[in-house]
Amino acid sequence: PESYWLDQCATQSKAWLDKATIPSSLAIQERNFFNISLLFMKHSQNPTVGTMVASFHPSYGYKVWARDAVFSAMILDAAGYSDEAEAFYRWLSTADLNMQ
């Protein structure tokens, strides 16, 4: 049933977020926003290749905008997710410019 999958998602998300380095000065609302932002960045990343999509909206074609993704990688790295950041940087080092 769907409750199983919701529980699994919540458990795994909490375990992943528990590894984060979060600034101690954040108020509760700021911390929630920070956590949601980290989860969005995590879910925007292809776990195999390391790319990060610019938008989840199909109209954008799930393209990688290197400029935006570099900022996401820096944030992930600063929050303690160096493996995710490294995966993107490795992909970036092999990327070709596509001017379409």
N, C-alpha and C. Protein backbone atom coordinates (compact mmCIF):
# COMPACT_ATOMS: atom_id res chain seq x y z
N PRO A 1 0.82 -1.21 0.00
CA PRO A 1 0.00 0.00 0.00
C PRO A 1 0.86 1.27 0.00
N GLU A 2 0.23 2.37 -0.32
CA GLU A 2 0.99 3.63 -0.43
C GLU A 2 1.60 4.06 0.89
N SER A 3 1.01 3.68 2.01
CA SER A 3 1.56 4.08 3.30
C SER A 3 2.96 3.50 3.51
N TYR A 4 3.21 2.31 2.99
CA TYR A 4 4.54 1.72 3.09
C TYR A 4 5.56 2.60 2.38
N TRP A 5 5.25 3.03 1.16
CA TRP A 5 6.18 3.83 0.37
C TRP A 5 6.37 5.22 0.97
N LEU A 6 5.30 5.78 1.51
CA LEU A 6 5.43 7.08 2.17
C LEU A 6 6.32 6.97 3.40
N ASP A 7 6.15 5.90 4.16
CA ASP A 7 6.99 5.69 5.34
C ASP A 7 8.46 5.48 4.95
N GLN A 8 8.68 4.71 3.90
CA GLN A 8 10.04 4.47 3.42
C GLN A 8 10.70 5.77 2.97
N CYS A 9 9.96 6.57 2.23
CA CYS A 9 10.48 7.85 1.75
C CYS A 9 10.82 8.77 2.92
N ALA A 10 9.92 8.85 3.88
CA ALA A 10 10.15 9.70 5.05
C ALA A 10 11.36 9.23 5.86
N THR A 11 11.48 7.93 6.04
CA THR A 11 12.60 7.37 6.81
C THR A 11 13.92 7.63 6.11
N GLN A 12 13.97 7.38 4.81
CA GLN A 12 15.22 7.58 4.06
C GLN A 12 15.58 9.06 3.95
N SER A 13 14.57 9.90 3.78
CA SER A 13 14.84 11.34 3.71
C SER A 13 15.38 11.85 5.03
N LYS A 14 14.79 11.41 6.13
CA LYS A 14 15.27 11.83 7.45
C LYS A 14 16.69 11.36 7.69
N ALA A 15 16.98 10.11 7.32
CA ALA A 15 18.34 9.58 7.50
C ALA A 15 19.35 10.38 6.69
N TRP A 16 18.96 10.75 5.47
CA TRP A 16 19.86 11.54 4.62
C TRP A 16 20.05 12.93 5.20
N LEU A 17 18.96 13.57 5.63
CA LEU A 17 19.06 14.93 6.19
C LEU A 17 19.81 14.94 7.51
N ASP A 18 19.75 13.86 8.26
CA ASP A 18 20.48 13.80 9.53
C ASP A 18 21.99 13.88 9.35
N LYS A 19 22.48 13.63 8.14
CA LYS A 19 23.91 13.71 7.85
C LYS A 19 24.36 15.13 7.53
N ALA A 20 23.41 16.04 7.36
CA ALA A 20 23.72 17.40 6.91
C ALA A 20 24.41 18.22 7.98
N THR A 21 25.25 19.12 7.53
CA THR A 21 25.82 20.15 8.37
C THR A 21 24.94 21.38 8.17
N ILE A 22 24.18 21.71 9.19
CA ILE A 22 23.20 22.80 9.09
C ILE A 22 23.61 23.91 10.04
N PRO A 23 23.61 25.14 9.55
CA PRO A 23 23.96 26.26 10.44
C PRO A 23 23.08 26.28 11.70
N SER A 24 23.70 26.41 12.84
CA SER A 24 22.96 26.35 14.10
C SER A 24 22.11 27.59 14.34
N SER A 25 22.36 28.65 13.61
CA SER A 25 21.64 29.91 13.84
C SER A 25 20.28 29.95 13.14
N LEU A 26 19.92 28.90 12.41
CA LEU A 26 18.66 28.92 11.67
C LEU A 26 17.45 28.76 12.60
N ALA A 27 16.45 29.57 12.37
CA ALA A 27 15.18 29.41 13.07
C ALA A 27 14.48 28.18 12.49
N ILE A 28 13.42 27.73 13.12
CA ILE A 28 12.73 26.50 12.70
C ILE A 28 12.25 26.60 11.25
N GLN A 29 11.61 27.72 10.89
CA GLN A 29 11.13 27.86 9.51
C GLN A 29 12.28 27.88 8.52
N GLU A 30 13.37 28.53 8.88
CA GLU A 30 14.55 28.57 8.00
C GLU A 30 15.16 27.18 7.84
N ARG A 31 15.21 26.45 8.94
CA ARG A 31 15.75 25.08 8.89
C ARG A 31 14.88 24.18 8.01
N ASN A 32 13.56 24.32 8.13
CA ASN A 32 12.66 23.54 7.27
C ASN A 32 12.88 23.88 5.81
N PHE A 33 13.01 25.16 5.50
CA PHE A 33 13.27 25.58 4.13
C PHE A 33 14.61 25.03 3.64
N PHE A 34 15.62 25.08 4.50
CA PHE A 34 16.94 24.55 4.18
C PHE A 34 16.85 23.05 3.86
N ASN A 35 16.14 22.31 4.70
CA ASN A 35 15.99 20.87 4.49
C ASN A 35 15.25 20.56 3.19
N ILE A 36 14.17 21.28 2.94
CA ILE A 36 13.42 21.07 1.70
C ILE A 36 14.29 21.39 0.49
N SER A 37 15.07 22.45 0.59
CA SER A 37 15.97 22.82 -0.51
C SER A 37 17.01 21.72 -0.76
N LEU A 38 17.56 21.17 0.32
CA LEU A 38 18.53 20.07 0.16
C LEU A 38 17.87 18.87 -0.53
N LEU A 39 16.65 18.55 -0.12
CA LEU A 39 15.95 17.41 -0.73
C LEU A 39 15.66 17.66 -2.21
N PHE A 40 15.28 18.88 -2.55
CA PHE A 40 15.06 19.20 -3.97
C PHE A 40 16.34 19.02 -4.77
N MET A 41 17.47 19.47 -4.21
CA MET A 41 18.74 19.31 -4.91
C MET A 41 19.10 17.83 -5.05
N LYS A 42 18.88 17.07 -3.98
CA LYS A 42 19.17 15.63 -4.05
C LYS A 42 18.34 14.96 -5.13
N HIS A 43 17.06 15.30 -5.17
CA HIS A 43 16.17 14.64 -6.13
C HIS A 43 16.31 15.18 -7.55
N SER A 44 17.03 16.29 -7.70
CA SER A 44 17.28 16.79 -9.05
C SER A 44 18.50 16.13 -9.66
N GLN A 45 19.23 15.37 -8.87
CA GLN A 45 20.48 14.78 -9.34
C GLN A 45 20.29 13.36 -9.85
N ASN A 46 20.88 13.11 -11.01
CA ASN A 46 20.95 11.75 -11.53
C ASN A 46 22.01 11.02 -10.71
N PRO A 47 21.63 9.99 -9.95
CA PRO A 47 22.59 9.34 -9.05
C PRO A 47 23.69 8.57 -9.77
N THR A 48 23.47 8.24 -11.02
CA THR A 48 24.47 7.49 -11.78
C THR A 48 25.48 8.41 -12.45
N VAL A 49 25.00 9.45 -13.10
CA VAL A 49 25.85 10.34 -13.89
C VAL A 49 26.32 11.54 -13.09
N GLY A 50 25.48 12.04 -12.18
CA GLY A 50 25.84 13.19 -11.36
C GLY A 50 25.22 14.50 -11.81
N THR A 51 24.55 14.51 -12.96
CA THR A 51 23.95 15.73 -13.46
C THR A 51 22.81 16.19 -12.54
N MET A 52 22.49 17.48 -12.61
CA MET A 52 21.36 18.04 -11.86
C MET A 52 20.48 18.80 -12.84
N VAL A 53 19.21 18.45 -12.89
CA VAL A 53 18.32 19.12 -13.83
C VAL A 53 18.02 20.54 -13.36
N ALA A 54 17.79 21.41 -14.33
CA ALA A 54 17.49 22.81 -14.03
C ALA A 54 16.06 22.97 -13.53
N SER A 55 15.17 22.10 -13.97
CA SER A 55 13.77 22.19 -13.60
C SER A 55 13.12 20.82 -13.68
N PHE A 56 12.15 20.59 -12.83
CA PHE A 56 11.39 19.34 -12.88
C PHE A 56 10.26 19.42 -13.90
N HIS A 57 10.06 20.58 -14.49
CA HIS A 57 8.96 20.77 -15.43
C HIS A 57 9.34 20.20 -16.80
N PRO A 58 8.48 19.38 -17.38
CA PRO A 58 8.79 18.75 -18.68
C PRO A 58 9.07 19.75 -19.80
N SER A 59 8.51 20.94 -19.73
CA SER A 59 8.74 21.93 -20.78
C SER A 59 10.21 22.33 -20.91
N TYR A 60 10.96 22.19 -19.84
CA TYR A 60 12.37 22.53 -19.88
C TYR A 60 13.23 21.38 -20.41
N GLY A 61 12.62 20.22 -20.61
CA GLY A 61 13.34 19.10 -21.18
C GLY A 61 14.37 18.47 -20.26
N TYR A 62 14.29 18.75 -18.96
CA TYR A 62 15.21 18.17 -17.97
C TYR A 62 16.67 18.42 -18.34
N LYS A 63 16.95 19.61 -18.82
CA LYS A 63 18.31 19.99 -19.19
C LYS A 63 19.13 20.34 -17.96
N VAL A 64 20.43 20.25 -18.13
CA VAL A 64 21.35 20.65 -17.07
C VAL A 64 21.86 22.05 -17.40
N TRP A 65 21.63 22.98 -16.51
CA TRP A 65 22.20 24.31 -16.64
C TRP A 65 23.39 24.34 -15.69
N ALA A 66 24.57 24.26 -16.28
CA ALA A 66 25.79 24.12 -15.48
C ALA A 66 25.92 25.22 -14.43
N ARG A 67 25.60 26.45 -14.81
CA ARG A 67 25.73 27.56 -13.85
C ARG A 67 24.91 27.29 -12.60
N ASP A 68 23.65 26.91 -12.77
CA ASP A 68 22.77 26.67 -11.63
C ASP A 68 23.22 25.44 -10.85
N ALA A 69 23.61 24.41 -11.57
CA ALA A 69 24.00 23.16 -10.92
C ALA A 69 25.29 23.31 -10.12
N VAL A 70 26.18 24.19 -10.57
CA VAL A 70 27.41 24.44 -9.80
C VAL A 70 27.06 25.00 -8.43
N PHE A 71 26.09 25.91 -8.38
CA PHE A 71 25.67 26.45 -7.09
C PHE A 71 25.06 25.35 -6.22
N SER A 72 24.25 24.50 -6.82
CA SER A 72 23.66 23.38 -6.06
C SER A 72 24.76 22.47 -5.52
N ALA A 73 25.75 22.17 -6.34
CA ALA A 73 26.86 21.32 -5.90
C ALA A 73 27.63 21.96 -4.75
N MET A 74 27.85 23.27 -4.84
CA MET A 74 28.57 23.96 -3.75
C MET A 74 27.77 23.91 -2.46
N ILE A 75 26.45 24.09 -2.56
CA ILE A 75 25.60 24.04 -1.37
C ILE A 75 25.61 22.63 -0.77
N LEU A 76 25.47 21.62 -1.63
CA LEU A 76 25.51 20.24 -1.14
C LEU A 76 26.84 19.94 -0.45
N ASP A 77 27.92 20.40 -1.05
CA ASP A 77 29.24 20.17 -0.47
C ASP A 77 29.37 20.86 0.88
N ALA A 78 28.91 22.10 0.97
CA ALA A 78 28.98 22.85 2.23
C ALA A 78 28.10 22.22 3.31
N ALA A 79 27.03 21.55 2.87
CA ALA A 79 26.13 20.89 3.83
C ALA A 79 26.61 19.50 4.22
N GLY A 80 27.75 19.09 3.69
CA GLY A 80 28.32 17.81 4.06
C GLY A 80 28.09 16.68 3.09
N TYR A 81 27.50 16.98 1.95
CA TYR A 81 27.22 15.95 0.95
C TYR A 81 28.27 16.01 -0.17
N SER A 82 29.50 15.70 0.19
CA SER A 82 30.60 15.82 -0.76
C SER A 82 30.52 14.77 -1.88
N ASP A 83 29.96 13.60 -1.61
CA ASP A 83 29.84 12.59 -2.68
C ASP A 83 28.93 13.09 -3.80
N GLU A 84 27.82 13.72 -3.44
CA GLU A 84 26.90 14.24 -4.44
C GLU A 84 27.55 15.37 -5.24
N ALA A 85 28.25 16.26 -4.53
CA ALA A 85 28.93 17.37 -5.21
C ALA A 85 30.02 16.83 -6.13
N GLU A 86 30.79 15.87 -5.66
CA GLU A 86 31.85 15.30 -6.49
C GLU A 86 31.29 14.64 -7.74
N ALA A 87 30.17 13.95 -7.62
CA ALA A 87 29.56 13.31 -8.79
C ALA A 87 29.23 14.36 -9.86
N PHE A 88 28.71 15.51 -9.44
CA PHE A 88 28.41 16.56 -10.41
C PHE A 88 29.69 17.12 -11.01
N TYR A 89 30.67 17.42 -10.17
CA TYR A 89 31.92 17.99 -10.69
C TYR A 89 32.62 17.04 -11.65
N ARG A 90 32.55 15.76 -11.40
CA ARG A 90 33.13 14.79 -12.33
C ARG A 90 32.41 14.85 -13.67
N TRP A 91 31.08 14.90 -13.62
CA TRP A 91 30.33 15.02 -14.88
C TRP A 91 30.69 16.32 -15.58
N LEU A 92 30.75 17.42 -14.84
CA LEU A 92 31.04 18.73 -15.42
C LEU A 92 32.39 18.74 -16.13
N SER A 93 33.35 18.03 -15.58
CA SER A 93 34.68 18.00 -16.19
C SER A 93 34.69 17.30 -17.55
N THR A 94 33.64 16.57 -17.86
CA THR A 94 33.56 15.86 -19.15
C THR A 94 32.51 16.47 -20.08
N ALA A 95 31.78 17.47 -19.62
CA ALA A 95 30.66 18.02 -20.39
C ALA A 95 31.16 18.86 -21.57
N ASP A 96 30.38 18.84 -22.63
CA ASP A 96 30.62 19.67 -23.80
C ASP A 96 29.56 20.76 -23.85
N LEU A 97 29.94 21.92 -24.37
CA LEU A 97 29.00 23.03 -24.53
C LEU A 97 28.03 22.72 -25.64
N ASN A 98 26.75 22.86 -25.36
CA ASN A 98 25.70 22.62 -26.36
C ASN A 98 24.88 23.90 -26.46
N MET A 99 25.00 24.60 -27.56
CA MET A 99 24.35 25.90 -27.72
C MET A 99 23.02 25.79 -28.46
N GLN A 100 22.15 24.92 -28.03
CA GLN A 100 20.84 24.78 -28.69
C GLN A 100 19.77 25.47 -27.93
